[in-house]
Amino acid sequence: MMEEGPPAPKVLRMFYFVGAGFLCTFAINKWREMEKKSILKQQEKNQHGAEGLLHQTPSDSIQKAMK
């Protein structure tokens, strides 16, 4: 039969594994939050840009769109 060593290394490895899981979950959630904020900022920027184009003459709008 195999002799097992002290239980501490197994428990320690389990804690490392669980800690790595929490760390990865935190990082994934943070990344999603950053991506969501980036998309919202981009949408806000696009909405403000569209409003600015509505209050201009057509030739100004075309020139800005070409840039």
N, C-alpha and C. Protein backbone atom coordinates (compact mmCIF):
# COMPACT_ATOMS: atom_id res chain seq x y z
N MET A 1 0.84 -1.19 0.00
CA MET A 1 0.00 0.00 0.00
C MET A 1 0.88 1.24 0.00
N MET A 2 0.28 2.29 -0.53
CA MET A 2 1.03 3.55 -0.57
C MET A 2 0.89 4.27 0.76
N GLU A 3 2.00 4.76 1.19
CA GLU A 3 1.96 5.55 2.42
C GLU A 3 1.72 7.00 2.05
N GLU A 4 0.78 7.59 2.70
CA GLU A 4 0.47 8.99 2.42
C GLU A 4 1.27 9.87 3.36
N GLY A 5 1.68 11.00 2.82
CA GLY A 5 2.42 11.96 3.63
C GLY A 5 1.48 12.73 4.53
N PRO A 6 2.01 13.72 5.16
CA PRO A 6 1.16 14.54 6.04
C PRO A 6 0.08 15.26 5.21
N PRO A 7 -1.09 15.47 5.79
CA PRO A 7 -2.18 16.09 5.04
C PRO A 7 -1.96 17.57 4.72
N ALA A 8 -1.02 18.20 5.38
CA ALA A 8 -0.82 19.64 5.16
C ALA A 8 -0.51 19.98 3.71
N PRO A 9 0.38 19.29 3.00
CA PRO A 9 0.63 19.67 1.61
C PRO A 9 -0.60 19.55 0.72
N LYS A 10 -1.43 18.56 0.97
CA LYS A 10 -2.65 18.41 0.17
C LYS A 10 -3.62 19.55 0.44
N VAL A 11 -3.77 19.90 1.69
CA VAL A 11 -4.66 21.00 2.06
C VAL A 11 -4.12 22.31 1.50
N LEU A 12 -2.81 22.47 1.57
CA LEU A 12 -2.19 23.69 1.05
C LEU A 12 -2.40 23.81 -0.46
N ARG A 13 -2.26 22.70 -1.18
CA ARG A 13 -2.50 22.71 -2.63
C ARG A 13 -3.95 23.05 -2.92
N MET A 14 -4.87 22.55 -2.10
CA MET A 14 -6.28 22.85 -2.29
C MET A 14 -6.53 24.35 -2.10
N PHE A 15 -5.92 24.93 -1.06
CA PHE A 15 -6.08 26.37 -0.83
C PHE A 15 -5.50 27.18 -1.97
N TYR A 16 -4.35 26.76 -2.51
CA TYR A 16 -3.78 27.44 -3.67
C TYR A 16 -4.73 27.37 -4.85
N PHE A 17 -5.30 26.20 -5.08
CA PHE A 17 -6.22 26.01 -6.20
C PHE A 17 -7.45 26.89 -6.05
N VAL A 18 -8.04 26.90 -4.86
CA VAL A 18 -9.23 27.71 -4.60
C VAL A 18 -8.88 29.20 -4.73
N GLY A 19 -7.74 29.60 -4.19
CA GLY A 19 -7.32 30.99 -4.29
C GLY A 19 -7.11 31.42 -5.73
N ALA A 20 -6.52 30.53 -6.53
CA ALA A 20 -6.32 30.85 -7.95
C ALA A 20 -7.67 30.99 -8.65
N GLY A 21 -8.64 30.16 -8.26
CA GLY A 21 -9.98 30.27 -8.84
C GLY A 21 -10.63 31.61 -8.52
N PHE A 22 -10.52 32.03 -7.26
CA PHE A 22 -11.07 33.34 -6.88
C PHE A 22 -10.36 34.47 -7.62
N LEU A 23 -9.06 34.37 -7.74
CA LEU A 23 -8.29 35.41 -8.43
C LEU A 23 -8.68 35.50 -9.90
N CYS A 24 -8.81 34.36 -10.55
CA CYS A 24 -9.21 34.36 -11.96
C CYS A 24 -10.63 34.90 -12.14
N THR A 25 -11.53 34.51 -11.25
CA THR A 25 -12.90 35.01 -11.32
C THR A 25 -12.94 36.52 -11.14
N PHE A 26 -12.18 37.03 -10.20
CA PHE A 26 -12.11 38.47 -9.97
C PHE A 26 -11.57 39.18 -11.22
N ALA A 27 -10.51 38.63 -11.80
CA ALA A 27 -9.90 39.25 -12.98
C ALA A 27 -10.87 39.24 -14.16
N ILE A 28 -11.58 38.14 -14.36
CA ILE A 28 -12.55 38.07 -15.46
C ILE A 28 -13.66 39.08 -15.26
N ASN A 29 -14.19 39.18 -14.05
CA ASN A 29 -15.25 40.15 -13.78
C ASN A 29 -14.77 41.58 -13.97
N LYS A 30 -13.54 41.87 -13.55
CA LYS A 30 -12.98 43.20 -13.73
C LYS A 30 -12.83 43.52 -15.21
N TRP A 31 -12.37 42.54 -15.99
CA TRP A 31 -12.20 42.74 -17.43
C TRP A 31 -13.55 43.02 -18.09
N ARG A 32 -14.58 42.27 -17.72
CA ARG A 32 -15.91 42.50 -18.28
C ARG A 32 -16.42 43.89 -17.93
N GLU A 33 -16.18 44.31 -16.70
CA GLU A 33 -16.60 45.65 -16.27
C GLU A 33 -15.89 46.73 -17.09
N MET A 34 -14.60 46.56 -17.31
CA MET A 34 -13.84 47.54 -18.09
C MET A 34 -14.33 47.57 -19.54
N GLU A 35 -14.60 46.41 -20.12
CA GLU A 35 -15.10 46.35 -21.49
C GLU A 35 -16.47 47.02 -21.59
N LYS A 36 -17.33 46.76 -20.60
CA LYS A 36 -18.67 47.36 -20.62
C LYS A 36 -18.57 48.88 -20.55
N LYS A 37 -17.70 49.40 -19.68
CA LYS A 37 -17.52 50.84 -19.56
C LYS A 37 -16.99 51.43 -20.86
N SER A 38 -16.07 50.72 -21.49
CA SER A 38 -15.50 51.19 -22.74
C SER A 38 -16.58 51.28 -23.83
N ILE A 39 -17.43 50.27 -23.89
CA ILE A 39 -18.50 50.26 -24.89
C ILE A 39 -19.48 51.39 -24.62
N LEU A 40 -19.83 51.61 -23.35
CA LEU A 40 -20.76 52.68 -23.01
C LEU A 40 -20.17 54.05 -23.36
N LYS A 41 -18.87 54.24 -23.10
CA LYS A 41 -18.23 55.50 -23.46
C LYS A 41 -18.24 55.70 -24.97
N GLN A 42 -17.98 54.64 -25.72
CA GLN A 42 -17.97 54.73 -27.17
C GLN A 42 -19.36 55.07 -27.69
N GLN A 43 -20.40 54.45 -27.11
CA GLN A 43 -21.76 54.75 -27.53
C GLN A 43 -22.14 56.19 -27.19
N GLU A 44 -21.72 56.67 -26.01
CA GLU A 44 -21.98 58.06 -25.64
C GLU A 44 -21.31 59.00 -26.62
N LYS A 45 -20.07 58.69 -26.96
CA LYS A 45 -19.31 59.52 -27.89
C LYS A 45 -20.00 59.55 -29.25
N ASN A 46 -20.48 58.40 -29.69
CA ASN A 46 -21.16 58.34 -30.99
C ASN A 46 -22.47 59.11 -30.95
N GLN A 47 -23.20 59.05 -29.83
CA GLN A 47 -24.46 59.77 -29.73
C GLN A 47 -24.23 61.27 -29.73
N HIS A 48 -23.19 61.72 -29.00
CA HIS A 48 -22.90 63.15 -28.97
C HIS A 48 -22.42 63.61 -30.34
N GLY A 49 -21.69 62.80 -31.03
CA GLY A 49 -21.22 63.14 -32.37
C GLY A 49 -22.38 63.24 -33.34
N ALA A 50 -23.37 62.36 -33.20
CA ALA A 50 -24.53 62.39 -34.09
C ALA A 50 -25.37 63.64 -33.83
N GLU A 51 -25.49 64.04 -32.57
CA GLU A 51 -26.25 65.26 -32.26
C GLU A 51 -25.55 66.48 -32.84
N GLY A 52 -24.22 66.48 -32.79
CA GLY A 52 -23.46 67.60 -33.33
C GLY A 52 -23.62 67.72 -34.83
N LEU A 53 -23.76 66.59 -35.50
CA LEU A 53 -23.93 66.63 -36.95
C LEU A 53 -25.32 67.13 -37.34
N LEU A 54 -26.31 66.95 -36.50
CA LEU A 54 -27.66 67.37 -36.83
C LEU A 54 -27.79 68.89 -36.82
N HIS A 55 -26.99 69.58 -36.01
CA HIS A 55 -27.11 71.02 -35.88
C HIS A 55 -26.17 71.76 -36.83
N GLN A 56 -25.59 71.09 -37.79
CA GLN A 56 -24.66 71.72 -38.71
C GLN A 56 -25.25 71.73 -40.11
N THR A 57 -24.63 72.51 -40.96
CA THR A 57 -25.05 72.51 -42.36
C THR A 57 -24.59 71.20 -43.00
N PRO A 58 -25.22 70.77 -44.07
CA PRO A 58 -24.85 69.50 -44.70
C PRO A 58 -23.40 69.44 -45.16
N SER A 59 -22.86 70.54 -45.64
CA SER A 59 -21.48 70.51 -46.12
C SER A 59 -20.50 70.31 -44.97
N ASP A 60 -20.78 70.92 -43.81
CA ASP A 60 -19.92 70.71 -42.64
C ASP A 60 -19.98 69.26 -42.19
N SER A 61 -21.16 68.67 -42.23
CA SER A 61 -21.32 67.29 -41.81
C SER A 61 -20.53 66.35 -42.71
N ILE A 62 -20.56 66.61 -43.99
CA ILE A 62 -19.82 65.76 -44.94
C ILE A 62 -18.32 65.88 -44.70
N GLN A 63 -17.84 67.09 -44.46
CA GLN A 63 -16.42 67.28 -44.23
C GLN A 63 -15.97 66.57 -42.95
N LYS A 64 -16.77 66.64 -41.91
CA LYS A 64 -16.42 65.98 -40.66
C LYS A 64 -16.47 64.45 -40.84
N ALA A 65 -17.44 63.97 -41.60
CA ALA A 65 -17.55 62.53 -41.82
C ALA A 65 -16.36 62.01 -42.63
N MET A 66 -15.84 62.83 -43.52
CA MET A 66 -14.71 62.42 -44.35
C MET A 66 -13.42 62.35 -43.55
N LYS A 67 -13.31 63.14 -42.48
CA LYS A 67 -12.10 63.12 -41.65
C LYS A 67 -12.07 61.84 -40.92
